[in-house]
Amino acid sequence: MKNTIQKAICAVLFFMPLAAFGAENVKKTTMLDTYNEGGWVMHILLVFSIAMVWLVIDVWMRTGVKKMTPPEDVTLAQELFRAGDYVAAYQAMKGSFSPFAEVMRAGLGSVGYGKDATEEAIYNTVEKTSSTLQTRINYLSVIGVCAPMIGLLGTVAGMKGAFGSLGGGGLSSGVNELAGHIGHVLVATAAGLLVAIPAFMAFYFLRNKLQGAIHHLHEVTEHLFRNAPYDYLKDADVGQEETYAALPNWVQAPEG
């Protein structure tokens, strides 16, 4: 017990000057200094962080319910459907660039082919919209996975230099330098985690937000086509778009 206490006292007396020396040499560092301490990987992580912020803002704006299903477009479509003017409804949706208008154009363009064709066109267009936005959200997951690994790569590269300096200077002259090197290289790991954590949080949040907006879009569109008079709309060219598929050139068109 006595020997243990003596060793503890000696250790305290030995490390106190080192601690005092380190405290005297502590310097206030700015954010730019910290950035430079992280090494070359900080440039990559900076690009990742900018991309993350841009993706979050962009997807947040695109997945809003009012952005995907604008109330004014829904109201206009409802009025034209009540009036039975499906051609005007198609033309009105051509003047809008919302996902709702795109789905409506797909449905109205297929309405002459029956209920099944119309519902399939609506479903496919909704899935296309969802897939496009989900791809953007998936990039946040990529950032969340890659950022910590890039930070760790910078740390490993920095540790190589730290231990190299320790080996060249010896233990007595390299302890403080080694501690400084370790503190610097860990900046890269911390920066990678600081980028990855909000990226993963935004990924899950925006994914759920997209699912809700897509569900609302599909529900509103299907509600408009519910009980549509498909028998009267059979073979109707509501879209009135130009047809490019002509008869084969080896088939002679009937005269007259």
Foldseek 3Di string as FASTA:
>chain_A
DVVVVVVVVVVCVVCVVVVVVVVVPDDDDDPVRLLVLQPPLSVVLVVLLVLLVVLLVVLVVLLDLCQQPPPVLLVVLLVCVVVVQLLVNLVVLVVDDHLLSVLSNQLSQCLQVDDVSSLVSSVVSLVVVLVVSLVSLVVLVVLLVVLLVSLVVSLVVLLVVLVVVCVVPDPVPRPVVSVVSNVSSVSSNVSSNVSNVVSVVSSVVSNVSNVVSSVVSSVSSVVSCPPPPSVVSHPPRSNPDDDDDDDPPVDDDDDD
